[in-house]
């Protein structure tokens, strides 16, 4: 990263984009905001990321998905080998840690 102001200026993904991209957009903006110590914006991004994450989890696992496949690809109902839910689990934890660091709670950040 390091180009936080530029990241915060990037447009939202188009409405037809996969849910996963909305989640990553919120994550990236949240980390950039935390690095600028804009805790209000970072917290709003975290809430949005958590909402997208929950929406994807609620989609469930299609009945025709093989046992070896990881969840859904990018939040759509088709299965794939890309672990979207697990990737967003990490994104949520990382953004929570970034906010903790920005608040001066480095010890708390280490628990994420």
C-alpha atoms as a PDB file:
ATOM      1  CA  UNK A   1       0.000   0.000   0.000  1.00  0.00           C
ATOM      2  CA  UNK A   2       1.373   3.376   0.996  1.00  0.00           C
ATOM      3  CA  UNK A   3      -0.816   5.252  -1.502  1.00  0.00           C
ATOM      4  CA  UNK A   4      -3.688   5.722   0.907  1.00  0.00           C
ATOM      5  CA  UNK A   5      -5.085   8.960  -0.505  1.00  0.00           C
ATOM      6  CA  UNK A   6      -5.210   7.429  -3.997  1.00  0.00           C
ATOM      7  CA  UNK A   7      -6.919   4.300  -2.672  1.00  0.00           C
ATOM      8  CA  UNK A   8      -9.612   6.372  -0.982  1.00  0.00           C
ATOM      9  CA  UNK A   9     -10.334   8.132  -4.286  1.00  0.00           C
ATOM     10  CA  UNK A  10     -10.889   4.934  -6.279  1.00  0.00           C
ATOM     11  CA  UNK A  11     -14.472   4.454  -7.482  1.00  0.00           C
ATOM     12  CA  UNK A  12     -16.778   1.789  -6.119  1.00  0.00           C
ATOM     13  CA  UNK A  13     -16.896  -1.381  -8.243  1.00  0.00           C
ATOM     14  CA  UNK A  14     -19.748  -1.376 -10.761  1.00  0.00           C
ATOM     15  CA  UNK A  15     -23.156  -2.548  -9.521  1.00  0.00           C
ATOM     16  CA  UNK A  16     -22.898  -5.790 -11.526  1.00  0.00           C
ATOM     17  CA  UNK A  17     -19.586  -6.756  -9.835  1.00  0.00           C
ATOM     18  CA  UNK A  18     -19.342  -9.870  -7.755  1.00  0.00           C
ATOM     19  CA  UNK A  19     -19.970  -9.437  -3.992  1.00  0.00           C
ATOM     20  CA  UNK A  20     -16.377 -10.427  -3.278  1.00  0.00           C
ATOM     21  CA  UNK A  21     -15.072  -7.318  -5.036  1.00  0.00           C
ATOM     22  CA  UNK A  22     -17.298  -5.102  -2.906  1.00  0.00           C
ATOM     23  CA  UNK A  23     -15.827  -6.754   0.183  1.00  0.00           C
ATOM     24  CA  UNK A  24     -12.247  -6.235  -0.976  1.00  0.00           C
ATOM     25  CA  UNK A  25     -13.050  -2.625  -1.914  1.00  0.00           C
ATOM     26  CA  UNK A  26     -14.340  -1.953   1.626  1.00  0.00           C
ATOM     27  CA  UNK A  27     -11.304  -3.743   3.121  1.00  0.00           C
ATOM     28  CA  UNK A  28      -8.789  -1.757   1.071  1.00  0.00           C
ATOM     29  CA  UNK A  29     -10.470   1.560   1.823  1.00  0.00           C
ATOM     30  CA  UNK A  30     -10.718   0.678   5.509  1.00  0.00           C
ATOM     31  CA  UNK A  31      -7.012  -0.094   5.801  1.00  0.00           C
ATOM     32  CA  UNK A  32      -6.134   3.108   3.929  1.00  0.00           C
ATOM     33  CA  UNK A  33      -8.407   5.140   6.226  1.00  0.00           C
ATOM     34  CA  UNK A  34      -6.924   3.511   9.339  1.00  0.00           C
ATOM     35  CA  UNK A  35      -3.427   4.353   8.130  1.00  0.00           C
ATOM     36  CA  UNK A  36      -4.543   7.974   7.812  1.00  0.00           C
ATOM     37  CA  UNK A  37      -6.039   7.767  11.340  1.00  0.00           C
ATOM     38  CA  UNK A  38      -9.537   8.375   9.948  1.00  0.00           C
ATOM     39  CA  UNK A  39     -11.151   5.998  12.415  1.00  0.00           C
ATOM     40  CA  UNK A  40     -14.718   6.978  11.563  1.00  0.00           C
ATOM     41  CA  UNK A  41     -14.235   6.071   7.897  1.00  0.00           C
ATOM     42  CA  UNK A  42     -12.247   2.929   8.757  1.00  0.00           C
ATOM     43  CA  UNK A  43     -15.008   1.742  11.111  1.00  0.00           C
ATOM     44  CA  UNK A  44     -17.674   2.392   8.464  1.00  0.00           C
ATOM     45  CA  UNK A  45     -15.640   0.338   5.979  1.00  0.00           C
ATOM     46  CA  UNK A  46     -15.351  -2.461   8.547  1.00  0.00           C
ATOM     47  CA  UNK A  47     -19.127  -2.511   9.035  1.00  0.00           C
ATOM     48  CA  UNK A  48     -19.659  -2.648   5.265  1.00  0.00           C
ATOM     49  CA  UNK A  49     -17.076  -5.415   4.876  1.00  0.00           C
ATOM     50  CA  UNK A  50     -18.732  -7.431   7.649  1.00  0.00           C
ATOM     51  CA  UNK A  51     -22.110  -6.986   5.956  1.00  0.00           C
ATOM     52  CA  UNK A  52     -20.816  -8.254   2.602  1.00  0.00           C
ATOM     53  CA  UNK A  53     -19.068 -11.124   4.398  1.00  0.00           C
ATOM     54  CA  UNK A  54     -22.319 -12.145   6.113  1.00  0.00           C
ATOM     55  CA  UNK A  55     -24.251 -11.874   2.832  1.00  0.00           C
ATOM     56  CA  UNK A  56     -21.816 -14.259   1.159  1.00  0.00           C
ATOM     57  CA  UNK A  57     -21.959 -16.700   4.090  1.00  0.00           C
ATOM     58  CA  UNK A  58     -25.766 -16.674   3.891  1.00  0.00           C
ATOM     59  CA  UNK A  59     -25.639 -17.852   0.274  1.00  0.00           C
ATOM     60  CA  UNK A  60     -24.684 -21.269   1.564  1.00  0.00           C
ATOM     61  CA  UNK A  61     -23.095 -24.152  -0.238  1.00  0.00           C
ATOM     62  CA  UNK A  62     -24.737 -25.365  -3.469  1.00  0.00           C
ATOM     63  CA  UNK A  63     -25.862 -28.998  -3.304  1.00  0.00           C
ATOM     64  CA  UNK A  64     -23.913 -29.883  -6.471  1.00  0.00           C
ATOM     65  CA  UNK A  65     -20.598 -28.593  -5.094  1.00  0.00           C
ATOM     66  CA  UNK A  66     -17.946 -31.311  -4.804  1.00  0.00           C
ATOM     67  CA  UNK A  67     -16.555 -31.952  -1.311  1.00  0.00           C
ATOM     68  CA  UNK A  68     -13.094 -30.817  -2.392  1.00  0.00           C
ATOM     69  CA  UNK A  69     -14.266 -27.353  -3.477  1.00  0.00           C
ATOM     70  CA  UNK A  70     -13.962 -24.308  -1.208  1.00  0.00           C
ATOM     71  CA  UNK A  71     -17.180 -22.348  -0.704  1.00  0.00           C
ATOM     72  CA  UNK A  72     -18.316 -20.050  -3.448  1.00  0.00           C
ATOM     73  CA  UNK A  73     -16.243 -18.161  -5.964  1.00  0.00           C
ATOM     74  CA  UNK A  74     -16.601 -14.496  -5.381  1.00  0.00           C
ATOM     75  CA  UNK A  75     -19.944 -14.711  -3.643  1.00  0.00           C
ATOM     76  CA  UNK A  76     -21.950 -16.074  -6.532  1.00  0.00           C
ATOM     77  CA  UNK A  77     -23.928 -19.330  -6.296  1.00  0.00           C
ATOM     78  CA  UNK A  78     -21.400 -21.261  -8.399  1.00  0.00           C
ATOM     79  CA  UNK A  79     -18.684 -23.221  -6.680  1.00  0.00           C
ATOM     80  CA  UNK A  80     -15.019 -22.734  -7.326  1.00  0.00           C
ATOM     81  CA  UNK A  81     -11.591 -23.399  -5.895  1.00  0.00           C
ATOM     82  CA  UNK A  82     -11.238 -19.880  -4.479  1.00  0.00           C
ATOM     83  CA  UNK A  83     -11.915 -19.711  -0.707  1.00  0.00           C
ATOM     84  CA  UNK A  84     -13.943 -16.493  -0.652  1.00  0.00           C
ATOM     85  CA  UNK A  85     -15.403 -16.819   2.848  1.00  0.00           C
ATOM     86  CA  UNK A  86     -12.014 -17.692   4.325  1.00  0.00           C
ATOM     87  CA  UNK A  87     -10.351 -14.840   2.430  1.00  0.00           C
ATOM     88  CA  UNK A  88     -12.914 -12.386   3.778  1.00  0.00           C
ATOM     89  CA  UNK A  89     -12.462 -13.868   7.293  1.00  0.00           C
ATOM     90  CA  UNK A  90      -8.825 -12.769   7.022  1.00  0.00           C
ATOM     91  CA  UNK A  91      -9.779  -9.372   5.562  1.00  0.00           C
ATOM     92  CA  UNK A  92     -12.133  -8.664   8.489  1.00  0.00           C
ATOM     93  CA  UNK A  93      -9.472  -9.646  11.038  1.00  0.00           C
ATOM     94  CA  UNK A  94      -6.804  -7.579   9.273  1.00  0.00           C
ATOM     95  CA  UNK A  95      -9.016  -4.493   9.124  1.00  0.00           C
ATOM     96  CA  UNK A  96      -9.920  -4.888  12.803  1.00  0.00           C
ATOM     97  CA  UNK A  97      -6.206  -5.075  13.600  1.00  0.00           C
ATOM     98  CA  UNK A  98      -5.444  -2.016  11.433  1.00  0.00           C
ATOM     99  CA  UNK A  99      -8.073  -0.029  13.310  1.00  0.00           C
ATOM    100  CA  UNK A 100      -6.639  -1.179  16.653  1.00  0.00           C
ATOM    101  CA  UNK A 101      -3.164  -0.035  15.591  1.00  0.00           C
ATOM    102  CA  UNK A 102      -4.552   3.351  14.500  1.00  0.00           C
ATOM    103  CA  UNK A 103      -6.190   3.666  17.926  1.00  0.00           C
ATOM    104  CA  UNK A 104      -2.823   2.960  19.559  1.00  0.00           C
ATOM    105  CA  UNK A 105      -3.832  -0.523  20.755  1.00  0.00           C
ATOM    106  CA  UNK A 106      -0.953  -2.531  19.309  1.00  0.00           C
ATOM    107  CA  UNK A 107      -1.390  -5.330  21.862  1.00  0.00           C
ATOM    108  CA  UNK A 108      -5.033  -5.733  20.876  1.00  0.00           C
ATOM    109  CA  UNK A 109      -4.043  -5.782  17.207  1.00  0.00           C
ATOM    110  CA  UNK A 110      -1.842  -8.790  17.865  1.00  0.00           C
ATOM    111  CA  UNK A 111      -4.830 -10.813  19.073  1.00  0.00           C
ATOM    112  CA  UNK A 112      -6.581 -10.638  15.709  1.00  0.00           C
END
